[in-house]
């Protein structure tokens, strides 16, 4: 079941990589840096999504407190690495006005993370507070 649930993230990651590789124009430092960030972000996003397993939900809910793997260091790695992927894609496009996209995404992710934090704290109490004190974002 886990692998089926990874399909949207995998398709999105491969799609962004395909777009970057097929952009018109020469390969330069921005395009290469953007591709590297997109690949790294995608790899870690897929890893985080796999490690979250059936606890993944679009709307915040508390089914299990996942604290293993990437989640042992970062509370919201899906937000962090999806933003890194988008930032990489924007850098590869080399259009500074597109930087508004990851900026807006960061604001949205912070708001979502706060909602999730409240939901998890209500359900798991001290265990979540301890986990939160030992992790980043």
N, C-alpha and C. Protein backbone atom coordinates (compact mmCIF):
# COMPACT_ATOMS: atom_id res chain seq x y z
N UNK A 1 0.82 -1.20 0.00
CA UNK A 1 0.00 0.00 0.00
C UNK A 1 0.87 1.27 0.00
N UNK A 2 1.98 1.24 0.74
CA UNK A 2 2.85 2.41 0.79
C UNK A 2 3.30 2.84 -0.60
N UNK A 3 3.70 1.89 -1.43
CA UNK A 3 4.23 2.24 -2.74
C UNK A 3 3.17 2.87 -3.64
N UNK A 4 1.93 2.43 -3.53
CA UNK A 4 0.85 3.02 -4.32
C UNK A 4 0.64 4.47 -3.91
N UNK A 5 0.73 4.75 -2.63
CA UNK A 5 0.53 6.10 -2.13
C UNK A 5 1.65 7.05 -2.53
N UNK A 6 2.77 6.53 -2.97
CA UNK A 6 3.90 7.36 -3.39
C UNK A 6 3.79 7.82 -4.84
N UNK A 7 2.88 7.26 -5.57
CA UNK A 7 2.78 7.53 -7.00
C UNK A 7 2.63 9.03 -7.31
N UNK A 8 1.75 9.77 -6.65
CA UNK A 8 1.64 11.20 -7.00
C UNK A 8 2.94 11.97 -6.78
N UNK A 9 3.64 11.70 -5.68
CA UNK A 9 4.90 12.39 -5.43
C UNK A 9 5.96 11.98 -6.45
N UNK A 10 5.99 10.71 -6.80
CA UNK A 10 6.95 10.22 -7.78
C UNK A 10 6.70 10.85 -9.15
N UNK A 11 5.44 10.88 -9.56
CA UNK A 11 5.09 11.49 -10.85
C UNK A 11 5.44 12.98 -10.86
N UNK A 12 5.15 13.66 -9.78
CA UNK A 12 5.47 15.09 -9.69
C UNK A 12 6.97 15.34 -9.75
N UNK A 13 7.72 14.53 -9.04
CA UNK A 13 9.18 14.67 -9.03
C UNK A 13 9.76 14.42 -10.42
N UNK A 14 9.37 13.32 -11.03
CA UNK A 14 9.87 12.99 -12.36
C UNK A 14 9.43 14.06 -13.36
N UNK A 15 8.21 14.56 -13.20
CA UNK A 15 7.71 15.60 -14.10
C UNK A 15 8.54 16.87 -14.02
N UNK A 16 8.87 17.30 -12.81
CA UNK A 16 9.69 18.51 -12.66
C UNK A 16 11.08 18.31 -13.23
N UNK A 17 11.66 17.15 -13.00
CA UNK A 17 12.99 16.85 -13.56
C UNK A 17 12.93 16.85 -15.09
N UNK A 18 11.89 16.26 -15.64
CA UNK A 18 11.71 16.24 -17.10
C UNK A 18 11.58 17.66 -17.65
N UNK A 19 10.80 18.50 -16.99
CA UNK A 19 10.62 19.89 -17.44
C UNK A 19 11.96 20.62 -17.44
N UNK A 20 12.71 20.49 -16.34
CA UNK A 20 14.00 21.18 -16.26
C UNK A 20 14.94 20.70 -17.36
N UNK A 21 14.99 19.40 -17.57
CA UNK A 21 15.90 18.85 -18.59
C UNK A 21 15.51 19.25 -20.00
N UNK A 22 14.26 19.63 -20.21
CA UNK A 22 13.79 19.99 -21.54
C UNK A 22 13.51 21.47 -21.73
N UNK A 23 13.97 22.30 -20.79
CA UNK A 23 13.82 23.74 -20.97
C UNK A 23 14.63 24.19 -22.18
N UNK A 24 14.12 25.17 -22.91
CA UNK A 24 14.92 25.69 -24.02
C UNK A 24 16.13 26.45 -23.48
N UNK A 25 17.13 26.55 -24.29
CA UNK A 25 18.30 27.33 -23.90
C UNK A 25 19.44 26.46 -23.40
N UNK A 26 20.57 27.12 -23.17
CA UNK A 26 21.77 26.38 -22.78
C UNK A 26 21.73 25.94 -21.31
N UNK A 27 22.53 24.93 -21.03
CA UNK A 27 22.73 24.50 -19.65
C UNK A 27 23.76 25.44 -19.02
N UNK A 28 23.37 26.07 -17.92
CA UNK A 28 24.29 26.95 -17.21
C UNK A 28 24.22 26.63 -15.72
N UNK A 29 24.91 27.40 -14.91
CA UNK A 29 24.96 27.15 -13.48
C UNK A 29 23.60 27.16 -12.80
N UNK A 30 22.73 28.08 -13.21
CA UNK A 30 21.39 28.15 -12.60
C UNK A 30 20.57 26.90 -12.91
N UNK A 31 20.62 26.50 -14.15
CA UNK A 31 19.84 25.32 -14.55
C UNK A 31 20.36 24.06 -13.85
N UNK A 32 21.68 23.93 -13.77
CA UNK A 32 22.26 22.77 -13.10
C UNK A 32 21.94 22.80 -11.61
N UNK A 33 22.11 23.97 -10.98
CA UNK A 33 21.80 24.09 -9.55
C UNK A 33 20.33 23.79 -9.29
N UNK A 34 19.47 24.30 -10.15
CA UNK A 34 18.03 24.04 -10.01
C UNK A 34 17.71 22.56 -10.12
N UNK A 35 18.34 21.90 -11.09
CA UNK A 35 18.12 20.47 -11.26
C UNK A 35 18.61 19.68 -10.04
N UNK A 36 19.78 20.05 -9.53
CA UNK A 36 20.32 19.37 -8.35
C UNK A 36 19.38 19.54 -7.16
N UNK A 37 18.91 20.77 -6.91
CA UNK A 37 17.98 21.00 -5.80
C UNK A 37 16.68 20.22 -5.98
N UNK A 38 16.20 20.17 -7.21
CA UNK A 38 14.96 19.44 -7.48
C UNK A 38 15.14 17.94 -7.24
N UNK A 39 16.24 17.39 -7.70
CA UNK A 39 16.50 15.96 -7.50
C UNK A 39 16.67 15.65 -6.01
N UNK A 40 17.46 16.45 -5.31
CA UNK A 40 17.66 16.22 -3.87
C UNK A 40 16.34 16.36 -3.12
N UNK A 41 15.63 17.45 -3.40
CA UNK A 41 14.33 17.66 -2.76
C UNK A 41 13.37 16.52 -3.04
N UNK A 42 13.34 16.06 -4.27
CA UNK A 42 12.46 14.96 -4.65
C UNK A 42 12.82 13.66 -3.97
N UNK A 43 14.10 13.37 -3.89
CA UNK A 43 14.54 12.12 -3.24
C UNK A 43 14.16 12.12 -1.76
N UNK A 44 14.40 13.24 -1.09
CA UNK A 44 14.05 13.31 0.33
C UNK A 44 12.54 13.38 0.55
N UNK A 45 11.83 14.02 -0.37
CA UNK A 45 10.37 14.05 -0.28
C UNK A 45 9.80 12.64 -0.37
N UNK A 46 10.27 11.88 -1.33
CA UNK A 46 9.79 10.50 -1.48
C UNK A 46 10.15 9.65 -0.27
N UNK A 47 11.34 9.86 0.27
CA UNK A 47 11.75 9.13 1.47
C UNK A 47 10.85 9.48 2.65
N UNK A 48 10.62 10.78 2.83
CA UNK A 48 9.76 11.22 3.95
C UNK A 48 8.34 10.70 3.79
N UNK A 49 7.84 10.74 2.59
CA UNK A 49 6.48 10.26 2.33
C UNK A 49 6.38 8.77 2.60
N UNK A 50 7.41 8.02 2.22
CA UNK A 50 7.43 6.58 2.48
C UNK A 50 7.47 6.32 3.99
N UNK A 51 8.33 7.05 4.69
CA UNK A 51 8.47 6.84 6.13
C UNK A 51 7.20 7.24 6.89
N UNK A 52 6.45 8.18 6.37
CA UNK A 52 5.20 8.59 7.02
C UNK A 52 4.12 7.52 6.85
N UNK A 53 4.19 6.79 5.74
CA UNK A 53 3.27 5.66 5.52
C UNK A 53 1.81 6.06 5.58
N UNK A 54 1.02 5.28 6.29
CA UNK A 54 -0.42 5.50 6.34
C UNK A 54 -0.81 6.68 7.23
N UNK A 55 0.16 7.32 7.87
CA UNK A 55 -0.14 8.50 8.68
C UNK A 55 -0.31 9.75 7.83
N UNK A 56 -0.02 9.63 6.53
CA UNK A 56 -0.18 10.78 5.63
C UNK A 56 -1.65 11.13 5.49
N UNK A 57 -1.93 12.43 5.55
CA UNK A 57 -3.28 12.92 5.33
C UNK A 57 -3.19 14.35 4.79
N UNK A 58 -4.11 14.71 3.92
CA UNK A 58 -4.14 16.06 3.39
C UNK A 58 -4.58 17.04 4.48
N UNK A 59 -5.58 16.65 5.23
CA UNK A 59 -6.06 17.47 6.35
C UNK A 59 -5.46 16.90 7.63
N UNK A 60 -4.99 17.79 8.50
CA UNK A 60 -4.30 17.36 9.72
C UNK A 60 -5.15 16.42 10.56
N UNK A 61 -4.55 15.26 10.88
CA UNK A 61 -5.16 14.32 11.80
C UNK A 61 -4.04 13.60 12.53
N UNK A 62 -4.33 13.08 13.68
CA UNK A 62 -3.30 12.44 14.50
C UNK A 62 -3.59 10.95 14.63
N UNK A 63 -2.99 10.16 13.77
CA UNK A 63 -3.18 8.71 13.85
C UNK A 63 -1.99 8.05 14.53
N UNK A 64 -0.79 8.58 14.28
CA UNK A 64 0.43 8.01 14.85
C UNK A 64 1.47 9.11 14.89
N UNK A 65 2.31 9.13 15.92
CA UNK A 65 3.40 10.09 16.01
C UNK A 65 4.64 9.44 15.40
N UNK A 66 4.95 9.85 14.17
CA UNK A 66 6.08 9.28 13.44
C UNK A 66 7.34 10.05 13.84
N UNK A 67 8.31 9.36 14.42
CA UNK A 67 9.53 10.01 14.91
C UNK A 67 10.80 9.31 14.42
N UNK A 68 10.67 8.44 13.45
CA UNK A 68 11.81 7.67 12.94
C UNK A 68 12.30 8.27 11.62
N UNK A 69 13.51 7.90 11.22
CA UNK A 69 14.06 8.31 9.94
C UNK A 69 14.23 9.82 9.85
N UNK A 70 13.83 10.37 8.74
CA UNK A 70 13.93 11.82 8.54
C UNK A 70 13.14 12.57 9.62
N UNK A 71 12.05 11.96 10.06
CA UNK A 71 11.20 12.60 11.07
C UNK A 71 11.89 12.71 12.43
N UNK A 72 13.02 12.05 12.62
CA UNK A 72 13.75 12.19 13.87
C UNK A 72 14.51 13.51 13.93
N UNK A 73 14.64 14.18 12.79
CA UNK A 73 15.36 15.47 12.72
C UNK A 73 14.46 16.63 12.29
N UNK A 74 13.50 16.34 11.42
CA UNK A 74 12.63 17.39 10.86
C UNK A 74 11.18 16.95 11.06
N UNK A 75 10.37 17.80 11.70
CA UNK A 75 8.97 17.44 11.95
C UNK A 75 8.13 17.45 10.68
N UNK A 76 8.45 18.29 9.75
CA UNK A 76 7.65 18.45 8.53
C UNK A 76 8.51 18.32 7.27
N UNK A 77 9.16 17.18 7.08
CA UNK A 77 10.06 17.07 5.92
C UNK A 77 9.35 17.13 4.58
N UNK A 78 8.10 16.74 4.52
CA UNK A 78 7.37 16.83 3.25
C UNK A 78 7.25 18.30 2.83
N UNK A 79 6.97 19.17 3.78
CA UNK A 79 6.89 20.60 3.47
C UNK A 79 8.26 21.15 3.07
N UNK A 80 9.29 20.79 3.82
CA UNK A 80 10.63 21.29 3.56
C UNK A 80 11.12 20.86 2.18
N UNK A 81 10.99 19.58 1.88
CA UNK A 81 11.56 19.08 0.64
C UNK A 81 10.70 19.37 -0.59
N UNK A 82 9.39 19.50 -0.43
CA UNK A 82 8.58 19.91 -1.58
C UNK A 82 8.89 21.37 -1.92
N UNK A 83 9.13 22.19 -0.91
CA UNK A 83 9.52 23.58 -1.15
C UNK A 83 10.88 23.64 -1.83
N UNK A 84 11.81 22.78 -1.42
CA UNK A 84 13.13 22.73 -2.05
C UNK A 84 13.00 22.34 -3.53
N UNK A 85 12.12 21.40 -3.82
CA UNK A 85 11.89 21.01 -5.22
C UNK A 85 11.37 22.18 -6.05
N UNK A 86 10.39 22.88 -5.51
CA UNK A 86 9.82 24.02 -6.24
C UNK A 86 10.86 25.11 -6.41
N UNK A 87 11.64 25.37 -5.36
CA UNK A 87 12.70 26.38 -5.45
C UNK A 87 13.71 25.98 -6.53
N UNK A 88 14.09 24.71 -6.58
CA UNK A 88 15.00 24.25 -7.61
C UNK A 88 14.44 24.47 -9.01
N UNK A 89 13.18 24.19 -9.17
CA UNK A 89 12.54 24.39 -10.48
C UNK A 89 12.54 25.87 -10.86
N UNK A 90 12.24 26.73 -9.90
CA UNK A 90 12.23 28.18 -10.16
C UNK A 90 13.64 28.66 -10.53
N UNK A 91 14.64 28.18 -9.81
CA UNK A 91 16.02 28.57 -10.13
C UNK A 91 16.39 28.11 -11.54
N UNK A 92 15.99 26.90 -11.92
CA UNK A 92 16.29 26.39 -13.25
C UNK A 92 15.62 27.23 -14.34
N UNK A 93 14.44 27.76 -14.05
CA UNK A 93 13.72 28.61 -15.02
C UNK A 93 14.39 29.96 -15.21
N UNK A 94 15.10 30.42 -14.19
CA UNK A 94 15.84 31.69 -14.25
C UNK A 94 14.94 32.90 -14.48
N UNK A 95 13.81 32.88 -13.82
CA UNK A 95 12.88 34.01 -13.87
C UNK A 95 12.67 34.48 -12.43
N UNK A 96 13.35 35.57 -12.03
CA UNK A 96 13.27 36.02 -10.63
C UNK A 96 11.85 36.23 -10.11
N UNK A 97 10.92 36.65 -10.98
CA UNK A 97 9.55 36.87 -10.51
C UNK A 97 8.90 35.57 -10.02
N UNK A 98 9.38 34.44 -10.53
CA UNK A 98 8.84 33.15 -10.08
C UNK A 98 9.22 32.82 -8.64
N UNK A 99 10.17 33.56 -8.06
CA UNK A 99 10.54 33.33 -6.65
C UNK A 99 9.36 33.61 -5.72
N UNK A 100 8.35 34.30 -6.22
CA UNK A 100 7.14 34.52 -5.41
C UNK A 100 6.42 33.21 -5.13
N UNK A 101 6.59 32.23 -6.01
CA UNK A 101 5.92 30.94 -5.82
C UNK A 101 6.43 30.23 -4.56
N UNK A 102 7.76 29.99 -4.43
CA UNK A 102 8.20 29.34 -3.20
C UNK A 102 8.00 30.23 -1.96
N UNK A 103 8.05 31.54 -2.13
CA UNK A 103 7.81 32.43 -0.99
C UNK A 103 6.39 32.24 -0.47
N UNK A 104 5.43 32.21 -1.37
CA UNK A 104 4.03 31.97 -0.97
C UNK A 104 3.85 30.57 -0.40
N UNK A 105 4.54 29.62 -0.98
CA UNK A 105 4.45 28.24 -0.50
C UNK A 105 4.99 28.12 0.93
N UNK A 106 6.07 28.82 1.22
CA UNK A 106 6.64 28.79 2.57
C UNK A 106 5.64 29.32 3.59
N UNK A 107 4.99 30.42 3.27
CA UNK A 107 3.97 30.98 4.18
C UNK A 107 2.86 29.96 4.42
N UNK A 108 2.39 29.34 3.35
CA UNK A 108 1.32 28.34 3.46
C UNK A 108 1.77 27.13 4.29
N UNK A 109 3.00 26.68 4.06
CA UNK A 109 3.51 25.51 4.78
C UNK A 109 3.66 25.80 6.28
N UNK A 110 4.08 27.00 6.62
CA UNK A 110 4.20 27.37 8.03
C UNK A 110 2.83 27.34 8.70
N UNK A 111 1.83 27.87 8.02
CA UNK A 111 0.47 27.85 8.58
C UNK A 111 -0.02 26.41 8.76
N UNK A 112 0.20 25.58 7.77
CA UNK A 112 -0.24 24.18 7.86
C UNK A 112 0.51 23.44 8.97
N UNK A 113 1.79 23.72 9.10
CA UNK A 113 2.59 23.07 10.15
C UNK A 113 2.08 23.45 11.53
N UNK A 114 1.67 24.68 11.71
CA UNK A 114 1.12 25.11 13.01
C UNK A 114 -0.18 24.39 13.33
N UNK A 115 -1.03 24.23 12.34
CA UNK A 115 -2.29 23.50 12.55
C UNK A 115 -1.98 22.05 12.92
N UNK A 116 -1.09 21.42 12.16
CA UNK A 116 -0.72 20.03 12.45
C UNK A 116 -0.12 19.90 13.84
N UNK A 117 0.69 20.87 14.23
CA UNK A 117 1.31 20.84 15.55
C UNK A 117 0.26 20.84 16.65
N UNK A 118 -0.75 21.68 16.50
CA UNK A 118 -1.83 21.73 17.51
C UNK A 118 -2.57 20.40 17.59
N UNK A 119 -2.87 19.83 16.43
CA UNK A 119 -3.59 18.55 16.39
C UNK A 119 -2.75 17.45 17.06
N UNK A 120 -1.48 17.39 16.74
CA UNK A 120 -0.62 16.37 17.33
C UNK A 120 -0.41 16.59 18.83
N UNK A 121 -0.29 17.84 19.24
CA UNK A 121 -0.12 18.12 20.66
C UNK A 121 -1.37 17.74 21.45
N UNK A 122 -2.54 17.99 20.89
CA UNK A 122 -3.79 17.59 21.56
C UNK A 122 -3.86 16.07 21.74
N UNK A 123 -3.43 15.34 20.73
CA UNK A 123 -3.54 13.87 20.77
C UNK A 123 -2.42 13.22 21.59
N UNK A 124 -1.16 13.69 21.42
CA UNK A 124 -0.02 13.00 22.00
C UNK A 124 0.62 13.73 23.18
N UNK A 125 0.17 14.95 23.48
CA UNK A 125 0.60 15.68 24.66
C UNK A 125 2.10 15.79 24.86
N UNK A 126 2.57 15.32 26.01
CA UNK A 126 3.99 15.45 26.37
C UNK A 126 4.91 14.74 25.39
N UNK A 127 4.49 13.63 24.85
CA UNK A 127 5.32 12.92 23.88
C UNK A 127 5.59 13.80 22.66
N UNK A 128 4.57 14.51 22.20
CA UNK A 128 4.75 15.40 21.06
C UNK A 128 5.60 16.61 21.44
N UNK A 129 5.37 17.18 22.61
CA UNK A 129 6.16 18.34 23.04
C UNK A 129 7.64 17.99 23.15
N UNK A 130 7.96 16.81 23.65
CA UNK A 130 9.35 16.37 23.73
C UNK A 130 9.92 16.20 22.32
N UNK A 131 9.18 15.56 21.46
CA UNK A 131 9.59 15.37 20.06
C UNK A 131 9.83 16.72 19.39
N UNK A 132 8.91 17.65 19.58
CA UNK A 132 9.03 18.98 18.97
C UNK A 132 10.28 19.69 19.47
N UNK A 133 10.63 19.52 20.73
CA UNK A 133 11.81 20.20 21.27
C UNK A 133 13.11 19.62 20.72
N UNK A 134 13.06 18.44 20.14
CA UNK A 134 14.27 17.78 19.65
C UNK A 134 14.40 17.81 18.13
N UNK A 135 13.47 18.50 17.46
CA UNK A 135 13.49 18.52 15.99
C UNK A 135 13.39 19.95 15.48
N UNK A 136 13.66 20.08 14.18
CA UNK A 136 13.57 21.37 13.50
C UNK A 136 12.31 21.40 12.65
N UNK A 137 11.65 22.53 12.58
CA UNK A 137 10.43 22.78 11.81
C UNK A 137 9.60 21.53 11.69
